[in-house]
Protein backbone atom coordinates (compact mmCIF):
# COMPACT_ATOMS: atom_id res chain seq x y z
CA MET A 1 -9.48 -19.15 -25.94
CA GLU A 2 -6.73 -20.12 -28.35
CA ALA A 3 -3.59 -18.05 -28.72
CA LEU A 4 -3.78 -16.42 -32.13
CA PRO A 5 -0.76 -14.72 -33.70
CA GLU A 6 -0.71 -10.93 -33.64
CA LEU A 7 -1.56 -8.87 -36.68
CA TYR A 8 1.37 -8.72 -39.19
CA ALA A 9 3.08 -11.70 -37.50
CA ILE A 10 4.96 -14.13 -39.73
CA PHE A 11 4.79 -17.88 -39.20
CA GLN A 12 5.05 -21.13 -41.12
CA GLY A 13 1.82 -23.02 -41.64
CA GLU A 14 0.62 -26.12 -43.44
CA VAL A 15 -1.79 -26.05 -46.38
CA ALA A 16 -5.06 -27.68 -45.27
CA THR A 17 -7.22 -27.27 -48.40
CA VAL A 18 -6.88 -25.65 -51.81
CA THR A 19 -9.88 -23.99 -53.50
CA ASP A 20 -10.45 -22.02 -56.70
CA TYR A 21 -10.09 -18.74 -54.82
CA GLY A 22 -7.14 -19.55 -52.56
CA ALA A 23 -5.74 -21.90 -49.94
CA PHE A 24 -6.57 -22.46 -46.27
CA ILE A 25 -3.52 -22.63 -44.01
CA LYS A 26 -3.42 -24.32 -40.59
CA ILE A 27 -2.12 -21.90 -37.99
CA PRO A 28 0.42 -23.59 -35.67
CA GLY A 29 -0.54 -23.68 -32.00
CA CYS A 30 -4.31 -23.44 -32.54
CA ARG A 31 -7.14 -25.13 -34.39
CA LYS A 32 -7.86 -22.08 -36.59
CA GLN A 33 -7.20 -21.80 -40.31
CA GLY A 34 -6.56 -18.67 -42.34
CA LEU A 35 -7.20 -17.97 -46.01
CA VAL A 36 -4.48 -16.98 -48.44
CA HIS A 37 -6.48 -15.49 -51.29
CA ARG A 38 -5.06 -16.14 -54.75
CA THR A 39 -4.23 -12.43 -55.09
CA HIS A 40 -1.92 -12.77 -52.05
CA MET A 41 -0.14 -15.94 -53.18
CA SER A 42 2.33 -14.30 -55.53
CA SER A 43 3.19 -10.90 -56.93
CA CYS A 44 2.26 -12.39 -60.33
CA ARG A 45 -1.30 -13.21 -61.36
CA VAL A 46 -2.49 -16.59 -60.05
CA ASP A 47 -5.44 -18.18 -61.88
CA LYS A 48 -5.28 -21.60 -60.24
CA PRO A 49 -4.00 -21.76 -56.65
CA SER A 50 -3.48 -25.52 -57.11
CA GLU A 51 -0.56 -24.68 -59.43
CA ILE A 52 1.20 -22.83 -56.57
CA VAL A 53 0.50 -25.00 -53.48
CA ASP A 54 -0.65 -28.53 -52.66
CA VAL A 55 -2.29 -29.94 -49.54
CA GLY A 56 0.38 -30.63 -46.91
CA ASP A 57 2.91 -28.04 -48.18
CA LYS A 58 4.67 -25.87 -45.58
CA VAL A 59 4.48 -22.16 -46.50
CA TRP A 60 5.52 -18.92 -44.83
CA VAL A 61 2.61 -16.52 -44.33
CA LYS A 62 1.94 -13.14 -42.78
CA LEU A 63 -1.29 -12.43 -40.91
CA ILE A 64 -2.71 -9.35 -42.66
CA GLY A 65 -6.27 -9.21 -41.36
CA LYS A 66 -8.65 -10.31 -38.63
CA GLU A 67 -12.39 -9.93 -39.13
CA MET A 68 -15.38 -10.98 -37.04
CA LYS A 69 -18.22 -12.14 -39.28
CA ASP A 70 -21.31 -14.02 -38.03
CA ASP A 71 -19.62 -14.68 -34.65
CA LYS A 72 -16.69 -16.32 -36.44
CA LEU A 73 -13.17 -15.01 -36.63
CA LYS A 74 -11.87 -14.89 -40.21
CA LEU A 75 -8.13 -14.58 -40.74
CA SER A 76 -6.51 -13.24 -43.90
CA LEU A 77 -3.00 -14.36 -44.76
CA SER A 78 -0.47 -13.38 -47.40
CA MET A 79 2.35 -15.36 -48.97
CA LYS A 80 3.60 -12.72 -51.41
CA VAL A 81 5.02 -10.42 -48.70
CA VAL A 82 7.13 -13.21 -47.16
CA ASN A 83 10.22 -14.85 -48.64
CA GLN A 84 9.18 -18.50 -49.00
CA GLY A 85 12.75 -19.77 -48.57
CA THR A 86 13.78 -17.93 -45.41
CA GLY A 87 10.56 -16.55 -43.91
CA LYS A 88 11.92 -12.97 -44.09
CA ASP A 89 9.38 -10.14 -44.24
CA LEU A 90 9.53 -8.55 -47.73
CA ASP A 91 7.15 -5.75 -46.71
CA PRO A 92 8.16 -4.70 -43.17
CA ASN A 93 6.26 -1.38 -43.30
CA ASN A 94 3.15 -2.92 -44.91
CA VAL A 95 3.35 -0.55 -47.88
CA SER A 96 2.38 -3.26 -50.37
CA LEU A 97 -0.68 -4.15 -48.30
CA ASP A 98 -1.78 -0.49 -48.19
CA GLN A 99 -1.44 -0.25 -51.97
CA ASP A 100 -3.57 -3.36 -52.42
CA GLU A 101 -6.26 -1.85 -50.19
CA ARG A 102 -6.28 1.37 -52.23
CA LYS A 103 -6.73 -0.62 -55.44
CA LYS A 104 -9.81 -2.32 -54.00
CA ARG A 105 -11.54 0.94 -53.12
CA THR A 106 -14.29 2.04 -55.42
CA PHE A 107 -14.41 5.59 -56.66
CA ARG A 108 -17.56 7.63 -56.61
CA ASP A 109 -19.02 8.82 -59.87
CA TYR A 110 -19.40 12.59 -59.71
CA THR A 111 -20.34 13.02 -63.38
CA SER A 112 -24.04 13.22 -62.59
CA GLN A 113 -23.53 16.32 -60.48
CA LYS A 114 -23.73 19.41 -62.65
CA ILE A 115 -21.92 22.65 -61.99
CA THR A 116 -24.05 25.74 -62.48
CA LEU A 117 -22.63 29.20 -62.95
CA GLU A 118 -25.86 31.10 -62.38
CA ALA A 119 -24.39 33.41 -59.77
CA VAL A 120 -21.81 34.84 -62.18
CA LEU A 121 -24.06 34.82 -65.23
CA ASN A 122 -26.80 36.80 -63.48
CA THR A 123 -24.46 39.53 -62.23
CA VAL A 124 -24.20 42.97 -63.80
CA CYS A 125 -20.91 44.84 -63.98
CA LYS A 126 -20.96 48.15 -62.09
CA LYS A 127 -18.45 49.72 -64.51
CA CYS A 128 -19.88 48.93 -67.92
CA GLY A 129 -23.37 47.63 -67.15
CA CYS A 130 -22.84 44.38 -69.08
CA LYS A 131 -24.00 41.01 -67.74
CA GLY A 132 -21.79 38.06 -66.88
CA HIS A 133 -18.76 39.50 -65.10
CA PHE A 134 -17.76 41.48 -62.05
CA ALA A 135 -16.40 45.03 -61.96
CA LYS A 136 -12.91 43.85 -60.93
CA GLU A 137 -12.80 41.64 -64.05
CA CYS A 138 -14.16 44.34 -66.38
CA PHE A 139 -12.23 44.94 -69.57
CA MET A 140 -13.59 48.45 -70.06
CA GLN A 141 -12.36 51.35 -68.00
CA PRO A 142 -14.32 54.61 -67.72
CA GLY A 143 -13.07 57.05 -70.36
CA GLY A 144 -10.71 54.41 -71.75
CA THR A 145 -10.29 53.21 -75.30
CA LYS A 146 -12.88 50.75 -76.48
CA TYR A 147 -11.75 47.95 -78.73
CA SER A 148 -14.02 46.09 -81.07
CA LEU A 149 -13.53 43.06 -83.23
CA ILE A 150 -12.25 43.57 -86.77
CA PRO A 151 -15.03 42.68 -89.20
CA GLU A 152 -14.14 39.80 -91.49
CA GLU A 153 -14.09 40.32 -95.25
CA ASP A 154 -17.37 39.53 -96.91
CA GLU A 155 -17.38 36.08 -98.40
CA GLU A 156 -18.78 37.48 -101.63
CA GLU A 157 -15.77 39.74 -102.13
CA VAL A 158 -13.37 36.91 -101.40
CA SER A 159 -15.13 34.50 -103.78
CA ALA A 160 -15.31 37.18 -106.50
CA ALA A 161 -11.58 37.85 -106.19
CA ALA A 162 -10.84 34.11 -106.38
CA ALA A 163 -13.01 33.74 -109.48
CA HIS A 164 -11.24 36.71 -111.13
CA GLU A 165 -7.85 35.06 -110.43
CA ARG A 166 -9.07 31.79 -111.98
CA ASP A 167 -10.24 33.61 -115.08
CA LYS A 168 -6.82 35.23 -115.50
CA LYS A 169 -5.06 31.88 -115.25
CA THR A 170 -7.36 30.19 -117.77
CA ASN A 171 -6.91 33.07 -120.21
CA VAL A 172 -3.13 32.83 -119.91
CA GLY A 173 -3.39 29.05 -120.43
CA ASP A 174 -5.56 29.56 -123.55
CA ASP A 175 -3.02 32.03 -125.01
CA SER A 176 -0.13 29.57 -124.54
CA SER A 177 -2.11 26.71 -126.14
CA LYS A 178 -2.91 28.90 -129.16
CA LYS A 179 0.76 29.70 -129.60
CA ARG A 180 1.65 26.02 -129.69
CA LYS A 181 -0.92 25.24 -132.34
CA LYS A 182 0.49 27.85 -134.71
């Protein structure tokens, strides 16, 4: 079996082919190739990998993933976590890679699950006998003062008072207009 680099190892490879979704890099010392997906080519958005690399270019890459699929070993590489001039690791603790993995995760939709409050709504308070709350949350105490809501003024009284005010203003306006005419 061929000697593959260890996970998170950095090496310089040659670009074998360029596709719409990334570039395949020849791994030195073995016949295997690894894929640098276009999202791992640069920290900026890459729409066309052919604008970044050409076949035959030497690039520094970091091995970020090994996966067995259909009895074939697939290798994932990254260029954006390696300085392309010196080959220095820009992400020694793999924090950037962890953040990328978290972004890929899908979140479950919990909106279809409804919360029911039947247990509280069907309870009866032992202090006051009202439904919907427990005795420790009761607002009434035995022998205590009971408070009730202040009734609002009747709308009829309010509208009658407003109409009376309007009548006064129009009468005052009529008196002043009569004075001017004289």
